[in-house]
Protein backbone atom coordinates (compact mmCIF):
# COMPACT_ATOMS: atom_id res chain seq x y z
CA MET A 1 20.61 -3.75 -12.96
CA GLY A 2 18.74 -1.87 -9.97
CA GLY A 3 16.83 1.14 -9.38
CA VAL A 4 17.36 3.46 -6.79
CA ARG A 5 13.73 4.94 -5.24
CA THR A 6 13.83 8.36 -3.75
CA THR A 7 10.37 10.50 -3.29
CA HIS A 8 11.28 13.28 -6.05
CA MET A 9 14.76 14.01 -4.20
CA PRO A 10 18.31 14.74 -5.83
CA GLY A 11 20.11 11.36 -5.98
CA GLY A 12 17.13 9.31 -7.79
CA GLY A 13 17.90 7.61 -11.29
CA LEU A 14 18.52 4.37 -12.75
CA TYR A 15 21.77 2.43 -12.02
CA LYS A 16 23.84 -0.10 -13.85
CA SER A 17 26.49 -2.87 -12.26
CA THR A 18 28.40 -5.43 -14.14
CA ASP A 19 30.26 -6.84 -11.37
CA GLY A 20 27.69 -8.52 -9.63
CA GLY A 21 27.05 -5.04 -7.59
CA ASP A 22 30.29 -4.00 -6.38
CA THR A 23 30.38 -0.82 -8.43
CA TRP A 24 27.82 1.12 -10.01
CA HIS A 25 27.31 3.69 -12.74
CA PRO A 26 24.24 5.95 -13.47
CA LEU A 27 22.52 5.59 -16.82
CA THR A 28 21.75 9.00 -17.89
CA GLY A 29 21.98 8.51 -21.74
CA GLY A 30 18.54 9.96 -22.39
CA LEU A 31 16.63 9.52 -19.04
CA PRO A 32 15.77 12.20 -16.97
CA THR A 33 18.68 13.66 -14.42
CA ASP A 34 16.74 16.49 -12.75
CA ASP A 35 16.20 16.87 -9.11
CA TYR A 36 12.67 15.39 -9.25
CA VAL A 37 13.27 11.70 -10.39
CA GLY A 38 11.47 9.56 -8.35
CA LYS A 39 10.32 5.48 -8.58
CA ILE A 40 11.25 4.27 -11.62
CA GLY A 41 10.53 0.58 -12.71
CA ILE A 42 12.62 -1.66 -14.91
CA ALA A 43 12.12 -4.85 -17.13
CA VAL A 44 14.60 -6.58 -19.41
CA ALA A 45 13.55 -8.53 -22.39
CA PRO A 46 14.14 -12.05 -21.52
CA SER A 47 14.70 -12.73 -25.62
CA ASN A 48 16.55 -9.69 -26.13
CA THR A 49 18.60 -8.42 -23.03
CA ASN A 50 19.60 -5.33 -24.81
CA ARG A 51 16.18 -4.16 -24.97
CA LEU A 52 15.26 -2.34 -21.51
CA TYR A 53 12.28 -1.07 -20.40
CA ALA A 54 11.89 2.07 -17.87
CA VAL A 55 8.24 3.37 -16.64
CA VAL A 56 9.83 6.92 -14.28
CA ASP A 57 8.09 8.91 -12.41
CA ASP A 58 9.07 12.52 -12.90
CA THR A 59 6.47 15.37 -11.90
CA GLY A 60 9.11 18.07 -12.45
CA ARG A 61 7.52 21.52 -11.92
CA ALA A 62 4.63 20.35 -9.90
CA VAL A 63 6.69 19.03 -7.22
CA ALA A 64 8.73 22.07 -7.17
CA ARG A 65 5.54 23.68 -6.31
CA SER A 66 4.58 21.45 -3.56
CA LEU A 67 7.81 20.92 -1.66
CA ARG A 68 9.69 24.29 -1.98
CA GLY A 69 6.34 26.33 -1.89
CA GLY A 70 6.68 27.58 -5.57
CA GLY A 71 9.99 29.17 -4.94
CA ASP A 72 11.69 27.36 -7.46
CA GLU A 73 8.50 26.32 -9.85
CA ALA A 74 9.72 28.89 -12.69
CA ASN A 75 12.94 27.16 -13.46
CA ALA A 76 11.91 23.58 -12.08
CA PRO A 77 11.67 21.36 -15.52
CA LYS A 78 8.50 20.32 -17.18
CA PRO A 79 7.34 16.30 -16.28
CA SER A 80 9.65 14.14 -18.23
CA GLY A 81 7.62 11.23 -16.43
CA GLY A 82 7.11 7.97 -18.83
CA ILE A 83 7.72 5.27 -20.55
CA TYR A 84 11.78 5.01 -21.96
CA ARG A 85 13.34 2.06 -24.00
CA SER A 86 16.74 1.24 -24.28
CA ASP A 87 18.01 -1.27 -27.30
CA ASP A 88 21.70 -1.05 -26.07
CA GLY A 89 21.76 -2.62 -22.75
CA GLY A 90 20.90 0.60 -21.11
CA THR A 91 23.47 3.16 -22.73
CA THR A 92 20.99 5.36 -24.57
CA TRP A 93 17.25 5.97 -23.97
CA THR A 94 14.26 7.09 -25.52
CA LEU A 95 11.26 8.43 -23.97
CA VAL A 96 8.28 6.67 -26.04
CA ASN A 97 5.32 7.78 -24.49
CA SER A 98 5.03 9.99 -21.94
CA GLU A 99 0.97 9.73 -21.35
CA GLN A 100 0.40 10.25 -17.40
CA ARG A 101 -1.79 7.69 -17.26
CA LEU A 102 1.01 5.09 -17.66
CA TRP A 103 3.22 6.57 -15.23
CA GLY A 104 1.14 8.85 -12.58
CA ARG A 105 1.04 8.19 -8.88
CA GLY A 106 4.72 6.53 -9.42
CA TRP A 107 5.16 6.78 -6.41
CA TYR A 108 2.36 3.93 -5.43
CA PHE A 109 2.88 1.97 -9.04
CA GLY A 110 5.87 2.02 -11.33
CA GLN A 111 6.09 -1.61 -12.88
CA ILE A 112 6.51 -2.87 -15.90
CA ALA A 113 6.87 -6.53 -17.74
CA VAL A 114 7.98 -7.95 -20.86
CA ASP A 115 6.46 -11.01 -22.71
CA PRO A 116 9.49 -13.54 -22.77
CA ALA A 117 9.36 -14.32 -26.65
CA ASN A 118 8.33 -10.89 -27.80
CA PRO A 119 10.65 -8.12 -27.15
CA ASP A 120 7.52 -5.49 -28.28
CA ARG A 121 5.08 -6.75 -26.51
CA ALA A 122 5.38 -5.15 -22.71
CA TYR A 123 2.62 -4.58 -20.08
CA ASP A 124 2.94 -1.58 -17.82
CA ILE A 125 0.94 -1.89 -14.73
CA ASN A 126 -1.38 1.25 -13.19
CA THR A 127 -4.73 2.02 -12.31
CA ALA A 128 -5.11 0.13 -15.28
CA THR A 129 -3.13 -2.53 -17.02
CA TYR A 130 -2.01 -1.60 -20.31
CA MET A 131 -0.07 -3.65 -23.22
CA THR A 132 2.16 -2.62 -25.99
CA LEU A 133 2.82 -4.52 -28.93
CA ASP A 134 4.80 -1.64 -30.74
CA ALA A 135 7.77 -1.26 -28.31
CA GLY A 136 6.65 0.99 -26.33
CA LYS A 137 4.96 3.84 -28.59
CA THR A 138 1.24 2.86 -28.10
CA TRP A 139 -0.39 1.37 -25.32
CA VAL A 140 -4.04 -0.20 -24.99
CA PRO A 141 -5.75 -1.29 -21.58
CA VAL A 142 -5.97 -5.09 -21.14
CA LYS A 143 -7.50 -5.02 -17.99
CA GLY A 144 -9.25 -2.54 -15.30
CA ALA A 145 -12.27 -2.53 -13.09
CA PRO A 146 -14.49 -4.46 -12.28
CA GLY A 147 -12.26 -6.95 -11.23
CA GLY A 148 -10.00 -4.83 -9.12
CA ASP A 149 -8.09 -1.71 -9.77
CA ASP A 150 -4.21 -0.35 -8.69
CA TYR A 151 -2.56 -3.07 -10.29
CA HIS A 152 1.09 -3.52 -8.88
CA GLN A 153 2.72 -7.09 -10.27
CA LEU A 154 2.46 -9.11 -13.36
CA TRP A 155 4.23 -12.34 -13.56
CA ILE A 156 4.64 -13.95 -16.81
CA ASP A 157 4.90 -17.76 -17.34
CA PRO A 158 8.60 -17.82 -19.22
CA ARG A 159 7.98 -20.55 -21.12
CA ASP A 160 4.46 -19.53 -22.17
CA GLY A 161 3.84 -15.68 -22.38
CA ASN A 162 -0.20 -16.40 -22.49
CA ARG A 163 -0.15 -17.42 -18.84
CA MET A 164 0.05 -14.65 -16.50
CA ALA A 165 -1.00 -13.92 -12.97
CA LEU A 166 -1.45 -10.21 -12.10
CA SER A 167 -2.23 -8.82 -8.56
CA SER A 168 -4.39 -5.77 -7.38
CA ASP A 169 -5.63 -4.14 -4.17
CA GLN A 170 -8.45 -6.37 -4.52
CA GLY A 171 -6.56 -9.85 -5.35
CA THR A 172 -5.25 -11.90 -8.08
CA VAL A 173 -6.49 -12.38 -11.60
CA ILE A 174 -5.43 -14.77 -14.06
CA SER A 175 -4.72 -15.00 -17.88
CA VAL A 176 -4.12 -18.25 -19.99
CA ASP A 177 -5.07 -16.53 -23.54
CA GLY A 178 -2.38 -13.52 -23.35
CA ALA A 179 -4.53 -11.15 -21.68
CA LYS A 180 -7.67 -11.24 -23.65
CA SER A 181 -9.88 -12.49 -21.11
CA TRP A 182 -9.28 -12.75 -17.05
CA SER A 183 -10.38 -15.21 -14.18
CA THR A 184 -11.96 -13.23 -11.49
CA TRP A 185 -9.94 -12.67 -7.97
CA TYR A 186 -12.39 -15.60 -6.71
CA ASN A 187 -10.53 -18.00 -8.73
CA GLN A 188 -7.95 -18.27 -5.97
CA PRO A 189 -8.45 -17.34 -1.91
CA THR A 190 -5.93 -14.72 -2.15
CA ALA A 191 -6.82 -11.21 -0.32
CA GLU A 192 -4.50 -7.75 0.92
CA ILE A 193 -5.42 -7.32 4.67
CA TYR A 194 -3.79 -5.33 7.29
CA HIS A 195 -4.75 -6.58 10.66
CA LEU A 196 -6.74 -9.81 11.84
CA ALA A 197 -8.36 -10.75 14.82
CA ALA A 198 -10.06 -13.69 16.54
CA SER A 199 -12.92 -14.69 18.54
CA LYS A 200 -12.93 -17.11 21.01
CA GLY A 201 -14.89 -20.39 21.43
CA TYR A 202 -14.58 -23.40 18.94
CA PRO A 203 -14.72 -22.83 16.09
CA TYR A 204 -13.29 -19.62 16.10
CA ARG A 205 -13.30 -17.25 13.21
CA LEU A 206 -11.03 -14.67 11.82
CA TYR A 207 -11.83 -11.17 11.09
CA GLY A 208 -9.95 -8.49 8.65
CA ALA A 209 -10.42 -5.60 6.29
CA GLN A 210 -9.41 -6.37 2.94
CA GLN A 211 -7.89 -3.62 0.67
CA ASP A 212 -10.32 -2.18 -1.93
CA SER A 213 -12.88 -5.21 -1.18
CA GLY A 214 -14.48 -5.11 2.12
CA ALA A 215 -14.29 -6.52 5.50
CA VAL A 216 -14.43 -10.22 5.84
CA SER A 217 -14.59 -13.10 8.40
CA VAL A 218 -14.05 -16.88 7.90
CA ALA A 219 -14.33 -19.83 10.38
CA THR A 220 -11.81 -21.99 10.93
CA TRP A 221 -13.26 -25.33 11.06
CA SER A 222 -15.80 -26.40 8.33
CA ARG A 223 -18.21 -29.73 8.08
CA MET A 224 -17.57 -30.04 4.82
CA GLY A 225 -13.96 -30.74 5.87
CA VAL A 226 -12.25 -28.15 3.69
CA LEU A 227 -12.61 -24.34 4.10
CA SER A 228 -13.95 -22.86 1.26
CA PHE A 229 -15.94 -19.85 -0.26
CA ARG A 230 -18.85 -20.96 1.40
CA ASP A 231 -17.26 -20.46 4.85
CA TRP A 232 -16.47 -16.82 4.39
CA GLU A 233 -18.84 -14.04 4.66
CA PRO A 234 -18.57 -10.33 4.40
CA ILE A 235 -18.79 -8.42 7.92
CA CYS A 236 -20.45 -5.04 8.49
CA GLU A 237 -17.33 -3.16 10.27
CA ALA A 238 -14.49 -2.05 9.02
CA GLY A 239 -12.71 0.01 5.67
CA GLU A 240 -10.15 -1.30 4.14
CA SER A 241 -7.30 -0.35 6.72
CA SER A 242 -9.11 -0.67 9.65
CA THR A 243 -8.93 -3.00 12.43
CA VAL A 244 -11.80 -4.82 13.07
CA VAL A 245 -12.18 -6.83 16.65
CA PRO A 246 -14.84 -8.90 17.92
CA ASP A 247 -16.34 -8.65 21.37
CA PRO A 248 -14.70 -11.20 23.75
CA ASP A 249 -18.37 -11.72 24.88
CA ASN A 250 -20.42 -11.65 21.88
CA ALA A 251 -18.39 -12.08 18.57
CA ALA A 252 -21.85 -10.89 16.76
CA LEU A 253 -20.66 -7.44 17.70
CA LEU A 254 -17.35 -5.69 16.08
CA TYR A 255 -15.55 -3.01 16.83
CA GLY A 256 -13.64 -0.85 14.56
CA ASN A 257 -12.03 2.97 13.58
CA GLY A 258 -12.37 3.87 17.63
CA ASP A 259 -15.95 4.55 18.19
CA GLN A 260 -17.52 2.20 15.71
CA ARG A 261 -19.95 -0.90 16.31
CA CYS A 262 -21.82 -3.07 14.07
CA ASN A 263 -24.01 -6.27 14.91
CA MET A 264 -23.39 -9.19 12.66
CA ALA A 265 -26.55 -10.91 13.86
CA LEU A 266 -28.57 -8.07 12.14
CA ASN A 267 -25.73 -6.61 9.94
CA VAL A 268 -26.33 -3.05 11.06
CA SER A 269 -24.64 -0.78 12.70
CA ALA A 270 -24.84 -0.43 16.65
CA PRO A 271 -24.45 2.90 17.83
CA ALA A 272 -24.39 1.92 21.51
CA GLY A 273 -21.16 2.03 21.56
CA GLY A 274 -19.13 4.56 23.58
CA GLU A 275 -18.05 7.74 21.58
CA LEU A 276 -14.48 9.15 22.09
CA PRO A 277 -13.54 12.31 24.24
CA ALA A 278 -13.79 15.59 22.03
CA PRO A 279 -10.40 16.33 20.72
CA ASP A 280 -8.24 18.88 22.42
CA PRO A 281 -8.34 22.22 20.24
CA LYS A 282 -4.99 22.81 21.34
CA ASP A 283 -3.93 19.02 20.17
CA PRO A 284 -5.98 17.98 17.49
CA ASN A 285 -6.40 14.64 16.78
CA ARG A 286 -3.47 13.02 14.53
CA ARG A 287 -4.12 9.95 12.56
CA THR A 288 -2.73 7.70 9.78
CA TRP A 289 -3.51 5.02 7.08
CA THR A 290 -3.91 2.36 9.81
CA LEU A 291 -4.38 2.73 13.65
CA PRO A 292 -4.74 0.57 16.43
CA GLN A 293 -7.51 -1.01 18.12
CA VAL A 294 -7.29 -4.28 20.55
CA PHE A 295 -9.03 -5.79 23.52
CA SER A 296 -7.08 -6.67 26.20
CA LEU A 297 -7.00 -10.63 27.43
CA ALA A 298 -6.20 -9.86 30.75
CA ASP A 299 -9.76 -7.97 31.86
CA GLU A 300 -11.54 -7.23 28.36
CA ALA A 301 -10.72 -3.63 28.04
CA LEU A 302 -10.86 -2.51 24.46
CA TYR A 303 -8.37 -0.12 23.49
CA TYR A 304 -7.82 2.22 20.62
CA ALA A 305 -5.16 5.29 19.99
CA ASN A 306 -4.01 8.17 17.84
CA GLN A 307 -1.84 10.33 19.48
CA PHE A 308 -3.75 9.32 22.65
CA VAL A 309 -4.45 5.82 24.17
CA PHE A 310 -8.15 5.46 24.73
CA ARG A 311 -10.03 2.75 26.97
CA SER A 312 -13.58 1.27 27.54
CA ARG A 313 -14.35 -1.27 29.92
CA GLY A 314 -17.51 -3.58 30.59
CA SER A 315 -20.32 -2.13 28.56
CA ARG A 316 -18.54 -0.14 26.33
CA GLN A 317 -20.22 3.03 27.00
CA ASP A 318 -17.67 4.91 28.67
CA VAL A 319 -14.42 5.92 27.05
CA VAL A 320 -11.35 6.81 29.11
CA GLU A 321 -8.81 8.74 27.26
CA ASP A 322 -5.01 8.96 28.80
CA GLN A 323 -4.55 12.63 28.53
CA SER A 324 -0.71 12.25 27.89
CA ASP A 325 -0.36 12.99 24.53
CA LEU A 326 2.53 9.85 23.85
CA THR A 327 4.06 11.69 20.28
CA ARG A 328 5.70 14.77 18.81
CA LEU A 329 4.18 16.44 16.16
CA ASN A 330 7.41 17.56 14.83
CA PRO A 331 9.91 15.03 15.73
CA PRO A 332 13.54 15.62 14.69
CA VAL A 333 14.98 13.91 11.90
CA PRO A 334 17.15 10.95 12.88
CA ALA A 335 20.51 11.56 12.91
CA THR A 336 21.61 8.31 11.24
CA LEU A 337 19.67 9.41 8.07
CA ASP A 338 21.31 10.25 5.06
CA ALA A 339 20.91 14.19 3.94
CA VAL A 340 18.63 13.10 1.10
CA THR A 341 16.32 10.91 2.88
CA ALA A 342 16.43 13.36 5.77
CA LYS A 343 15.05 16.10 3.17
CA ASP A 344 12.47 13.73 2.53
CA ILE A 345 11.13 12.98 5.57
CA ASP A 346 11.30 16.60 6.92
CA GLU A 347 9.29 18.78 3.58
CA PRO A 348 6.39 16.73 2.97
CA MET A 349 5.48 14.48 6.04
CA THR A 350 5.84 16.71 8.73
CA ASP A 351 2.12 16.67 10.26
CA ARG A 352 1.99 12.92 9.61
CA PHE A 353 4.20 11.94 12.50
CA GLY A 354 3.25 11.86 15.78
CA VAL A 355 0.63 8.79 16.63
CA VAL A 356 0.72 5.44 18.75
CA TYR A 357 1.03 2.61 16.06
CA THR A 358 0.47 -0.33 17.93
CA ILE A 359 -0.97 -1.44 21.40
CA GLY A 360 -0.12 -4.49 23.50
CA PRO A 361 -1.82 -5.06 26.73
CA SER A 362 -0.61 -7.36 28.93
CA PRO A 363 -2.20 -10.92 28.83
CA LEU A 364 -1.53 -11.24 32.49
CA ASP A 365 -1.40 -7.73 34.04
CA ALA A 366 -4.58 -5.48 33.07
CA LYS A 367 -2.75 -2.73 34.31
CA THR A 368 0.54 -3.14 32.02
CA VAL A 369 0.08 -1.50 28.17
CA TRP A 370 3.08 -1.64 26.26
CA VAL A 371 2.60 0.81 22.83
CA GLY A 372 5.05 1.79 19.99
CA THR A 373 5.10 5.01 18.26
CA ASP A 374 6.07 6.19 14.74
CA ASP A 375 7.90 9.11 15.90
CA GLY A 376 11.01 7.29 16.99
């Protein structure tokens, strides 16, 4: 079995194959079939393969309002998202619970898992993790903050349903008593980090910003003979999606977010860094969730980008902007995309296109800099 993910566009739904994936047919017996079906998470009960659960993202009328300017709102279906259950291998489905806490923000969540020995016991993973003991009718939270939020994956030991590993934006937590208690995410060295940067010298340090858990640095060598939590430390720069880069001449100075700088020796911000040029009112600064910042190995120039490329040299006091907008605000939709995906890209994402997504200064020639954009 497999799910087809679309972002609330025609063609979304759940499909089943009985010949190893050669052919597929849609499962429509009770599942939503409107044009606003989004992501669907499915799980099969290991102890009864006829029992299936599906967490369906379908916001109906709300999506009609946002995508079509309200024109179809009156005739759009009401939200039909929720937890669905099948007891006959997917032929027919019943909506067993429609509480939005279980399926909201389905584009970001949408995972469900079933106890290996009890088909009536399942877990729904969202901003909290919920458990049902009555086949999906009622759900109680078994894990939330503190200790992470935005949960995404749950592994259950197929030989012992009391042993579980649950991943969140902040790390992984463990339960050995069927979700009655959980470890902290410090139980094992796991993290979700967008970018890594290294300092000079030996032992050098690595720097990165963690999802929902602050920015960190770790040594690459320890006198204790093994790296432990004692070799990690929080650092004073970067949000979760930012790039953190140490100054090549002074690893205590960290740069991020374009014009932000902090001094690790004092653990305070250091606003003496250069300021970015004022935005062009005819071409306002564009940004996306994560933008690049990097030092050149050739001349130690610091580069940063949105739709423009910025460079700072020497004391970092002066920031120079490349006046060429290297991207497009409204790029054409690639001709290779199918109609459904093209429509999805063209409507809700238009103003988020058009940034330099990566920068690669040549390590040999200071005059040569490569960039990659997100607009094709």
